[in-house]
Amino acid sequence: MFIYTLYTLTGETLGQTPLLEQAMRTARAYAAARRVSCVVECRRLDTDEARRVLLNADGSMVKLWRAA
């Protein structure tokens, strides 16, 4: 099971959801409306492994983890 958390670039938590599509849709809307980037973190609950992506105001996305 996963939990998705939306953050501002300053680290403020904006919300959490267990639904990927809801997290991404909300992050894209937030970034576009405020013309700022934001971060979505996907955390695996059983291992506590986390991966983050940066969503930019223009709709582009940058992964913030290294491939193993």
N, C-alpha and C. Protein backbone atom coordinates (compact mmCIF):
# COMPACT_ATOMS: atom_id res chain seq x y z
N MET A 1 0.84 -1.17 0.00
CA MET A 1 0.00 0.00 0.00
C MET A 1 0.89 1.24 0.00
N PHE A 2 0.42 2.30 -0.65
CA PHE A 2 1.16 3.54 -0.79
C PHE A 2 0.36 4.71 -0.22
N ILE A 3 1.09 5.77 0.16
CA ILE A 3 0.46 7.03 0.54
C ILE A 3 1.18 8.12 -0.25
N TYR A 4 0.42 9.02 -0.82
CA TYR A 4 0.96 10.11 -1.62
C TYR A 4 0.78 11.41 -0.85
N THR A 5 1.88 12.16 -0.71
CA THR A 5 1.85 13.41 0.04
C THR A 5 2.29 14.54 -0.87
N LEU A 6 1.55 15.64 -0.85
CA LEU A 6 1.85 16.81 -1.65
C LEU A 6 2.52 17.85 -0.76
N TYR A 7 3.68 18.37 -1.22
CA TYR A 7 4.46 19.36 -0.47
C TYR A 7 4.71 20.60 -1.32
N THR A 8 4.85 21.74 -0.66
CA THR A 8 5.37 22.93 -1.31
C THR A 8 6.89 22.78 -1.37
N LEU A 9 7.57 23.67 -2.09
CA LEU A 9 9.02 23.61 -2.15
C LEU A 9 9.67 23.98 -0.83
N THR A 10 8.94 24.64 0.05
CA THR A 10 9.47 24.98 1.37
C THR A 10 9.27 23.84 2.37
N GLY A 11 8.62 22.75 1.95
CA GLY A 11 8.43 21.59 2.80
C GLY A 11 7.10 21.53 3.53
N GLU A 12 6.24 22.51 3.32
CA GLU A 12 4.92 22.52 3.95
C GLU A 12 4.04 21.42 3.33
N THR A 13 3.40 20.63 4.16
CA THR A 13 2.52 19.57 3.68
C THR A 13 1.18 20.16 3.27
N LEU A 14 0.75 19.86 2.05
CA LEU A 14 -0.52 20.36 1.55
C LEU A 14 -1.64 19.33 1.67
N GLY A 15 -1.30 18.05 1.71
CA GLY A 15 -2.31 17.02 1.83
C GLY A 15 -1.77 15.64 1.54
N GLN A 16 -2.59 14.63 1.84
CA GLN A 16 -2.23 13.23 1.59
C GLN A 16 -3.43 12.49 1.04
N THR A 17 -3.13 11.46 0.26
CA THR A 17 -4.18 10.60 -0.28
C THR A 17 -3.57 9.23 -0.62
N PRO A 18 -4.37 8.17 -0.58
CA PRO A 18 -3.88 6.87 -1.02
C PRO A 18 -4.06 6.67 -2.54
N LEU A 19 -4.60 7.67 -3.23
CA LEU A 19 -4.92 7.55 -4.65
C LEU A 19 -3.93 8.33 -5.50
N LEU A 20 -3.21 7.63 -6.38
CA LEU A 20 -2.21 8.25 -7.24
C LEU A 20 -2.81 9.34 -8.12
N GLU A 21 -3.87 9.03 -8.81
CA GLU A 21 -4.47 10.00 -9.74
C GLU A 21 -4.93 11.26 -9.03
N GLN A 22 -5.50 11.11 -7.86
CA GLN A 22 -5.94 12.27 -7.09
C GLN A 22 -4.74 13.13 -6.69
N ALA A 23 -3.67 12.50 -6.27
CA ALA A 23 -2.46 13.24 -5.87
C ALA A 23 -1.88 14.01 -7.05
N MET A 24 -1.76 13.37 -8.20
CA MET A 24 -1.17 14.02 -9.36
C MET A 24 -2.06 15.12 -9.91
N ARG A 25 -3.35 14.87 -9.96
CA ARG A 25 -4.30 15.88 -10.44
C ARG A 25 -4.27 17.13 -9.55
N THR A 26 -4.24 16.91 -8.24
CA THR A 26 -4.20 18.01 -7.29
C THR A 26 -2.88 18.78 -7.39
N ALA A 27 -1.78 18.07 -7.51
CA ALA A 27 -0.47 18.71 -7.62
C ALA A 27 -0.37 19.54 -8.90
N ARG A 28 -0.85 19.01 -10.00
CA ARG A 28 -0.81 19.77 -11.26
C ARG A 28 -1.67 21.03 -11.17
N ALA A 29 -2.85 20.90 -10.58
CA ALA A 29 -3.74 22.05 -10.43
C ALA A 29 -3.12 23.10 -9.50
N TYR A 30 -2.53 22.66 -8.40
CA TYR A 30 -1.88 23.57 -7.46
C TYR A 30 -0.75 24.33 -8.14
N ALA A 31 0.13 23.61 -8.84
CA ALA A 31 1.28 24.23 -9.51
C ALA A 31 0.83 25.22 -10.59
N ALA A 32 -0.17 24.85 -11.37
CA ALA A 32 -0.63 25.73 -12.44
C ALA A 32 -1.33 26.97 -11.89
N ALA A 33 -2.16 26.81 -10.88
CA ALA A 33 -2.92 27.93 -10.32
C ALA A 33 -2.02 28.95 -9.64
N ARG A 34 -0.97 28.46 -8.98
CA ARG A 34 -0.09 29.36 -8.23
C ARG A 34 1.20 29.69 -8.97
N ARG A 35 1.39 29.04 -10.12
CA ARG A 35 2.57 29.24 -10.96
C ARG A 35 3.86 28.99 -10.18
N VAL A 36 3.84 27.93 -9.37
CA VAL A 36 5.01 27.50 -8.61
C VAL A 36 5.12 25.98 -8.73
N SER A 37 6.29 25.47 -8.50
CA SER A 37 6.51 24.03 -8.50
C SER A 37 6.07 23.45 -7.16
N CYS A 38 5.77 22.16 -7.16
CA CYS A 38 5.45 21.45 -5.92
C CYS A 38 5.98 20.02 -6.04
N VAL A 39 5.95 19.31 -4.94
CA VAL A 39 6.54 17.96 -4.87
C VAL A 39 5.46 16.97 -4.45
N VAL A 40 5.44 15.81 -5.11
CA VAL A 40 4.60 14.70 -4.69
C VAL A 40 5.52 13.56 -4.26
N GLU A 41 5.29 13.09 -3.05
CA GLU A 41 6.07 11.97 -2.52
C GLU A 41 5.19 10.73 -2.47
N CYS A 42 5.72 9.62 -2.97
CA CYS A 42 5.05 8.33 -2.89
C CYS A 42 5.82 7.50 -1.87
N ARG A 43 5.14 7.13 -0.79
CA ARG A 43 5.78 6.34 0.27
C ARG A 43 5.12 4.98 0.37
N ARG A 44 5.95 3.95 0.31
CA ARG A 44 5.47 2.58 0.47
C ARG A 44 5.38 2.29 1.96
N LEU A 45 4.21 1.96 2.44
CA LEU A 45 3.98 1.85 3.87
C LEU A 45 4.67 0.66 4.52
N ASP A 46 4.84 -0.45 3.81
CA ASP A 46 5.45 -1.62 4.44
C ASP A 46 6.97 -1.52 4.56
N THR A 47 7.64 -0.76 3.68
CA THR A 47 9.10 -0.63 3.73
C THR A 47 9.55 0.79 4.05
N ASP A 48 8.65 1.73 4.04
CA ASP A 48 8.92 3.15 4.28
C ASP A 48 9.82 3.76 3.20
N GLU A 49 9.94 3.10 2.05
CA GLU A 49 10.70 3.63 0.92
C GLU A 49 9.89 4.77 0.30
N ALA A 50 10.58 5.85 -0.06
CA ALA A 50 9.88 7.00 -0.63
C ALA A 50 10.56 7.46 -1.92
N ARG A 51 9.74 7.94 -2.83
CA ARG A 51 10.22 8.54 -4.07
C ARG A 51 9.46 9.84 -4.27
N ARG A 52 10.15 10.83 -4.79
CA ARG A 52 9.53 12.14 -5.00
C ARG A 52 9.64 12.57 -6.46
N VAL A 53 8.63 13.30 -6.90
CA VAL A 53 8.67 13.94 -8.21
C VAL A 53 8.36 15.42 -8.02
N LEU A 54 9.01 16.23 -8.82
CA LEU A 54 8.78 17.67 -8.84
C LEU A 54 7.86 17.99 -10.00
N LEU A 55 6.74 18.64 -9.72
CA LEU A 55 5.83 19.07 -10.77
C LEU A 55 5.96 20.57 -10.94
N ASN A 56 6.27 20.99 -12.15
CA ASN A 56 6.46 22.40 -12.45
C ASN A 56 5.16 23.03 -12.92
N ALA A 57 5.12 24.35 -12.85
CA ALA A 57 3.91 25.09 -13.23
C ALA A 57 3.55 24.88 -14.70
N ASP A 58 4.54 24.59 -15.55
CA ASP A 58 4.27 24.38 -16.97
C ASP A 58 3.79 22.97 -17.28
N GLY A 59 3.66 22.12 -16.25
CA GLY A 59 3.17 20.76 -16.44
C GLY A 59 4.25 19.71 -16.56
N SER A 60 5.51 20.13 -16.64
CA SER A 60 6.60 19.16 -16.74
C SER A 60 6.85 18.52 -15.38
N MET A 61 7.50 17.36 -15.42
CA MET A 61 7.72 16.58 -14.21
C MET A 61 9.16 16.09 -14.19
N VAL A 62 9.78 16.14 -13.01
CA VAL A 62 11.17 15.69 -12.84
C VAL A 62 11.21 14.70 -11.69
N LYS A 63 11.74 13.50 -11.94
CA LYS A 63 11.87 12.54 -10.83
C LYS A 63 13.07 12.93 -9.99
N LEU A 64 12.93 12.75 -8.67
CA LEU A 64 13.95 13.18 -7.73
C LEU A 64 14.57 11.99 -7.00
N TRP A 65 14.74 10.88 -7.70
CA TRP A 65 15.40 9.72 -7.10
C TRP A 65 16.33 9.10 -8.11
N ARG A 66 17.27 8.34 -7.62
CA ARG A 66 18.24 7.66 -8.48
C ARG A 66 17.78 6.25 -8.77
N ALA A 67 18.03 5.79 -9.96
CA ALA A 67 17.73 4.40 -10.30
C ALA A 67 18.74 3.49 -9.60
N ALA A 68 18.29 2.35 -9.16
CA ALA A 68 19.17 1.42 -8.43
C ALA A 68 20.09 0.70 -9.40
